[in-house]
C-alpha atoms as a PDB file:
ATOM      1  CA  UNK A   1     -32.493 -41.025 -10.859  1.00  0.00           C
ATOM      2  CA  UNK A   2     -32.733 -41.065  -7.099  1.00  0.00           C
ATOM      3  CA  UNK A   3     -28.956 -40.550  -6.836  1.00  0.00           C
ATOM      4  CA  UNK A   4     -29.162 -37.635  -9.249  1.00  0.00           C
ATOM      5  CA  UNK A   5     -31.845 -35.885  -7.163  1.00  0.00           C
ATOM      6  CA  UNK A   6     -29.891 -36.462  -3.960  1.00  0.00           C
ATOM      7  CA  UNK A   7     -26.764 -35.066  -5.632  1.00  0.00           C
ATOM      8  CA  UNK A   8     -28.606 -31.966  -6.865  1.00  0.00           C
ATOM      9  CA  UNK A   9     -30.186 -31.473  -3.433  1.00  0.00           C
ATOM     10  CA  UNK A  10     -26.793 -31.755  -1.793  1.00  0.00           C
ATOM     11  CA  UNK A  11     -25.262 -29.251  -4.228  1.00  0.00           C
ATOM     12  CA  UNK A  12     -28.088 -26.767  -3.604  1.00  0.00           C
ATOM     13  CA  UNK A  13     -27.654 -27.120   0.157  1.00  0.00           C
ATOM     14  CA  UNK A  14     -23.918 -26.471  -0.143  1.00  0.00           C
ATOM     15  CA  UNK A  15     -24.493 -23.503  -2.432  1.00  0.00           C
ATOM     16  CA  UNK A  16     -26.993 -21.907  -0.071  1.00  0.00           C
ATOM     17  CA  UNK A  17     -24.575 -22.403   2.831  1.00  0.00           C
ATOM     18  CA  UNK A  18     -21.789 -20.739   0.844  1.00  0.00           C
ATOM     19  CA  UNK A  19     -23.989 -17.761   0.027  1.00  0.00           C
ATOM     20  CA  UNK A  20     -25.053 -17.291   3.629  1.00  0.00           C
ATOM     21  CA  UNK A  21     -21.503 -16.699   4.859  1.00  0.00           C
ATOM     22  CA  UNK A  22     -20.698 -13.137   5.839  1.00  0.00           C
ATOM     23  CA  UNK A  23     -17.328 -11.458   5.457  1.00  0.00           C
ATOM     24  CA  UNK A  24     -15.912  -8.161   6.663  1.00  0.00           C
ATOM     25  CA  UNK A  25     -12.759  -6.166   6.105  1.00  0.00           C
ATOM     26  CA  UNK A  26     -10.635  -4.082   8.407  1.00  0.00           C
ATOM     27  CA  UNK A  27      -7.801  -1.778   7.487  1.00  0.00           C
ATOM     28  CA  UNK A  28      -5.245  -2.301  10.249  1.00  0.00           C
ATOM     29  CA  UNK A  29      -3.081   0.571   9.059  1.00  0.00           C
ATOM     30  CA  UNK A  30      -6.067   2.914   9.239  1.00  0.00           C
ATOM     31  CA  UNK A  31      -7.037   1.615  12.689  1.00  0.00           C
ATOM     32  CA  UNK A  32      -3.495   1.968  14.051  1.00  0.00           C
ATOM     33  CA  UNK A  33      -3.148   5.511  12.684  1.00  0.00           C
ATOM     34  CA  UNK A  34      -6.278   6.493  14.611  1.00  0.00           C
ATOM     35  CA  UNK A  35      -5.057   5.154  17.963  1.00  0.00           C
ATOM     36  CA  UNK A  36      -3.078   7.797  19.877  1.00  0.00           C
ATOM     37  CA  UNK A  37      -1.181   5.176  21.928  1.00  0.00           C
ATOM     38  CA  UNK A  38       0.192   3.708  18.716  1.00  0.00           C
ATOM     39  CA  UNK A  39       1.572   7.071  17.610  1.00  0.00           C
ATOM     40  CA  UNK A  40       3.157   7.617  21.048  1.00  0.00           C
ATOM     41  CA  UNK A  41       4.657   4.122  20.894  1.00  0.00           C
ATOM     42  CA  UNK A  42       6.181   4.883  17.488  1.00  0.00           C
ATOM     43  CA  UNK A  43       7.663   8.114  18.834  1.00  0.00           C
ATOM     44  CA  UNK A  44       9.188   6.230  21.785  1.00  0.00           C
ATOM     45  CA  UNK A  45      10.646   3.621  19.467  1.00  0.00           C
ATOM     46  CA  UNK A  46      12.054   6.329  17.181  1.00  0.00           C
ATOM     47  CA  UNK A  47      13.773   8.022  20.123  1.00  0.00           C
ATOM     48  CA  UNK A  48      15.256   4.769  21.402  1.00  0.00           C
ATOM     49  CA  UNK A  49      16.284   3.791  17.879  1.00  0.00           C
ATOM     50  CA  UNK A  50      18.072   7.116  17.329  1.00  0.00           C
ATOM     51  CA  UNK A  51      19.855   6.777  20.658  1.00  0.00           C
ATOM     52  CA  UNK A  52      21.049   3.286  19.789  1.00  0.00           C
ATOM     53  CA  UNK A  53      22.011   4.352  16.271  1.00  0.00           C
ATOM     54  CA  UNK A  54      24.127   7.164  17.750  1.00  0.00           C
ATOM     55  CA  UNK A  55      25.922   4.639  19.990  1.00  0.00           C
ATOM     56  CA  UNK A  56      26.706   2.464  16.985  1.00  0.00           C
ATOM     57  CA  UNK A  57      27.852   5.426  14.895  1.00  0.00           C
ATOM     58  CA  UNK A  58      30.136   6.551  17.736  1.00  0.00           C
ATOM     59  CA  UNK A  59      31.837   3.137  17.730  1.00  0.00           C
ATOM     60  CA  UNK A  60      32.092   3.143  13.934  1.00  0.00           C
ATOM     61  CA  UNK A  61      33.576   6.656  13.949  1.00  0.00           C
ATOM     62  CA  UNK A  62      36.044   5.636  16.631  1.00  0.00           C
ATOM     63  CA  UNK A  63      37.121   2.634  14.524  1.00  0.00           C
ATOM     64  CA  UNK A  64      37.441   4.879  11.470  1.00  0.00           C
ATOM     65  CA  UNK A  65      39.597   7.434  13.313  1.00  0.00           C
ATOM     66  CA  UNK A  66      41.743   4.594  14.695  1.00  0.00           C
ATOM     67  CA  UNK A  67      42.231   3.360  11.133  1.00  0.00           C
ATOM     68  CA  UNK A  68      43.180   6.837   9.849  1.00  0.00           C
ATOM     69  CA  UNK A  69      45.671   7.259  12.690  1.00  0.00           C
ATOM     70  CA  UNK A  70      47.036   3.783  11.939  1.00  0.00           C
ATOM     71  CA  UNK A  71      47.517   4.709   8.267  1.00  0.00           C
ATOM     72  CA  UNK A  72      49.313   7.934   9.114  1.00  0.00           C
ATOM     73  CA  UNK A  73      51.598   6.182  11.637  1.00  0.00           C
ATOM     74  CA  UNK A  74      52.141   3.081   9.495  1.00  0.00           C
ATOM     75  CA  UNK A  75      55.715   3.869   8.438  1.00  0.00           C
ATOM     76  CA  UNK A  76      56.817   4.438  12.059  1.00  0.00           C
ATOM     77  CA  UNK A  77      55.310   1.249  13.545  1.00  0.00           C
ATOM     78  CA  UNK A  78      57.033  -2.043  14.172  1.00  0.00           C
ATOM     79  CA  UNK A  79      55.415  -5.295  13.021  1.00  0.00           C
ATOM     80  CA  UNK A  80      54.137  -5.999  16.547  1.00  0.00           C
ATOM     81  CA  UNK A  81      52.667  -2.486  16.843  1.00  0.00           C
ATOM     82  CA  UNK A  82      51.007  -2.836  13.414  1.00  0.00           C
ATOM     83  CA  UNK A  83      49.441  -6.111  14.422  1.00  0.00           C
ATOM     84  CA  UNK A  84      48.244  -4.709  17.755  1.00  0.00           C
ATOM     85  CA  UNK A  85      46.656  -1.673  16.125  1.00  0.00           C
ATOM     86  CA  UNK A  86      45.028  -3.762  13.393  1.00  0.00           C
ATOM     87  CA  UNK A  87      43.552  -6.066  16.023  1.00  0.00           C
ATOM     88  CA  UNK A  88      42.272  -3.087  18.007  1.00  0.00           C
ATOM     89  CA  UNK A  89      40.611  -1.645  14.878  1.00  0.00           C
ATOM     90  CA  UNK A  90      39.049  -4.980  13.974  1.00  0.00           C
ATOM     91  CA  UNK A  91      37.848  -5.375  17.579  1.00  0.00           C
ATOM     92  CA  UNK A  92      36.232  -1.921  17.521  1.00  0.00           C
ATOM     93  CA  UNK A  93      34.512  -2.676  14.187  1.00  0.00           C
ATOM     94  CA  UNK A  94      33.325  -6.010  15.585  1.00  0.00           C
ATOM     95  CA  UNK A  95      31.974  -4.267  18.693  1.00  0.00           C
ATOM     96  CA  UNK A  96      29.984  -1.888  16.476  1.00  0.00           C
ATOM     97  CA  UNK A  97      28.665  -4.800  14.422  1.00  0.00           C
ATOM     98  CA  UNK A  98      27.710  -6.765  17.548  1.00  0.00           C
ATOM     99  CA  UNK A  99      25.936  -3.747  19.001  1.00  0.00           C
ATOM    100  CA  UNK A 100      24.028  -3.226  15.748  1.00  0.00           C
ATOM    101  CA  UNK A 101      22.924  -6.864  15.789  1.00  0.00           C
ATOM    102  CA  UNK A 102      21.991  -6.624  19.484  1.00  0.00           C
ATOM    103  CA  UNK A 103      19.803  -3.564  18.944  1.00  0.00           C
ATOM    104  CA  UNK A 104      18.484  -3.953  15.406  1.00  0.00           C
ATOM    105  CA  UNK A 105      18.828  -7.652  14.556  1.00  0.00           C
ATOM    106  CA  UNK A 106      15.870  -9.991  13.980  1.00  0.00           C
ATOM    107  CA  UNK A 107      15.802 -10.905  17.680  1.00  0.00           C
ATOM    108  CA  UNK A 108      17.217  -7.555  18.774  1.00  0.00           C
ATOM    109  CA  UNK A 109      16.165  -5.113  21.444  1.00  0.00           C
ATOM    110  CA  UNK A 110      14.131  -2.956  19.046  1.00  0.00           C
ATOM    111  CA  UNK A 111      12.110  -5.964  17.884  1.00  0.00           C
ATOM    112  CA  UNK A 112      11.478  -7.035  21.498  1.00  0.00           C
ATOM    113  CA  UNK A 113      10.559  -3.530  22.589  1.00  0.00           C
ATOM    114  CA  UNK A 114       8.177  -3.093  19.633  1.00  0.00           C
ATOM    115  CA  UNK A 115       6.548  -6.455  20.413  1.00  0.00           C
ATOM    116  CA  UNK A 116       6.145  -5.569  24.093  1.00  0.00           C
ATOM    117  CA  UNK A 117       4.609  -2.187  23.315  1.00  0.00           C
ATOM    118  CA  UNK A 118       2.365  -3.505  20.510  1.00  0.00           C
ATOM    119  CA  UNK A 119       0.950  -6.493  22.410  1.00  0.00           C
ATOM    120  CA  UNK A 120      -1.663  -4.546  24.426  1.00  0.00           C
ATOM    121  CA  UNK A 121      -2.771  -2.572  21.351  1.00  0.00           C
ATOM    122  CA  UNK A 122      -2.998  -5.709  19.220  1.00  0.00           C
ATOM    123  CA  UNK A 123      -4.950  -7.503  21.938  1.00  0.00           C
ATOM    124  CA  UNK A 124      -7.410  -4.622  22.213  1.00  0.00           C
ATOM    125  CA  UNK A 125      -7.922  -4.537  18.434  1.00  0.00           C
ATOM    126  CA  UNK A 126      -8.274  -8.329  18.300  1.00  0.00           C
ATOM    127  CA  UNK A 127     -10.895  -8.338  21.077  1.00  0.00           C
ATOM    128  CA  UNK A 128     -12.890  -5.551  19.395  1.00  0.00           C
ATOM    129  CA  UNK A 129     -12.827  -7.346  16.025  1.00  0.00           C
ATOM    130  CA  UNK A 130     -13.761 -10.656  17.633  1.00  0.00           C
ATOM    131  CA  UNK A 131     -16.721  -9.132  19.462  1.00  0.00           C
ATOM    132  CA  UNK A 132     -17.973  -7.324  16.348  1.00  0.00           C
ATOM    133  CA  UNK A 133     -17.557 -10.483  14.264  1.00  0.00           C
ATOM    134  CA  UNK A 134     -19.564 -12.541  16.763  1.00  0.00           C
ATOM    135  CA  UNK A 135     -22.284  -9.903  17.061  1.00  0.00           C
ATOM    136  CA  UNK A 136     -22.687  -9.597  13.264  1.00  0.00           C
ATOM    137  CA  UNK A 137     -22.123 -13.298  12.474  1.00  0.00           C
ATOM    138  CA  UNK A 138     -19.060 -12.721  10.296  1.00  0.00           C
ATOM    139  CA  UNK A 139     -17.381 -15.971   9.402  1.00  0.00           C
ATOM    140  CA  UNK A 140     -14.240 -14.175   8.309  1.00  0.00           C
ATOM    141  CA  UNK A 141     -12.645 -10.771   8.841  1.00  0.00           C
ATOM    142  CA  UNK A 142      -9.776  -9.914   6.517  1.00  0.00           C
ATOM    143  CA  UNK A 143      -7.175  -7.174   6.695  1.00  0.00           C
ATOM    144  CA  UNK A 144      -7.527  -5.023   3.604  1.00  0.00           C
ATOM    145  CA  UNK A 145      -3.828  -4.125   3.609  1.00  0.00           C
ATOM    146  CA  UNK A 146      -2.258  -7.582   3.734  1.00  0.00           C
ATOM    147  CA  UNK A 147      -4.741  -9.958   2.153  1.00  0.00           C
ATOM    148  CA  UNK A 148      -4.198  -9.070  -1.489  1.00  0.00           C
ATOM    149  CA  UNK A 149      -7.821  -8.066  -2.006  1.00  0.00           C
ATOM    150  CA  UNK A 150      -8.362  -6.655  -5.476  1.00  0.00           C
ATOM    151  CA  UNK A 151     -11.800  -5.207  -4.826  1.00  0.00           C
ATOM    152  CA  UNK A 152     -13.988  -5.009  -1.769  1.00  0.00           C
ATOM    153  CA  UNK A 153     -17.166  -3.100  -1.205  1.00  0.00           C
ATOM    154  CA  UNK A 154     -16.649  -0.326   1.338  1.00  0.00           C
ATOM    155  CA  UNK A 155     -19.885  -1.456   2.995  1.00  0.00           C
ATOM    156  CA  UNK A 156     -18.146  -4.512   4.474  1.00  0.00           C
ATOM    157  CA  UNK A 157     -15.215  -2.502   5.919  1.00  0.00           C
ATOM    158  CA  UNK A 158     -15.705  -2.437   9.696  1.00  0.00           C
ATOM    159  CA  UNK A 159     -12.588  -0.423  10.567  1.00  0.00           C
ATOM    160  CA  UNK A 160     -14.601   2.543  11.903  1.00  0.00           C
ATOM    161  CA  UNK A 161     -16.773   0.169  13.929  1.00  0.00           C
ATOM    162  CA  UNK A 162     -13.643  -1.360  15.475  1.00  0.00           C
ATOM    163  CA  UNK A 163     -12.322   2.088  16.385  1.00  0.00           C
ATOM    164  CA  UNK A 164     -15.692   3.004  17.905  1.00  0.00           C
ATOM    165  CA  UNK A 165     -15.749  -0.233  19.877  1.00  0.00           C
ATOM    166  CA  UNK A 166     -12.300   0.609  21.237  1.00  0.00           C
ATOM    167  CA  UNK A 167     -13.471   4.100  22.240  1.00  0.00           C
ATOM    168  CA  UNK A 168     -11.775   6.027  19.430  1.00  0.00           C
ATOM    169  CA  UNK A 169     -13.486   8.024  16.755  1.00  0.00           C
ATOM    170  CA  UNK A 170     -12.077   9.216  13.471  1.00  0.00           C
END
């Protein structure tokens, strides 16, 4: 009997602790859209990306025109000339592929540039969320966009509070 009462007491204590936890949501997409620096960063990245894409397309077009010229001259070329032209075309295509990987690959320049530009914004958002969470005793703050939340009361969404804390208003 004594064990049973201790067990029930323990379960009630755990249940009351679970109910006293506070949660909040943020919508990172919403927050980022309301930060002017983020929009400027995206514009910078778009410009750089277009510039790099144009460089790659120029190499690809050059390889394509080399191939067309090779096809039209094919009957007049010796075996050595054919081989040399084929190697030059393959080299040009490889250069375009290498440049694409350098700029747009998983560890490419665009990824690095985006990370460098995003770091200060992410740090500022993180610090604002952390301070709000401490002040309001939130045990957990979830991102509405990535957490797979089916339903959440809008009253626990602190996105506007985060923007206010950072000095932005909607």
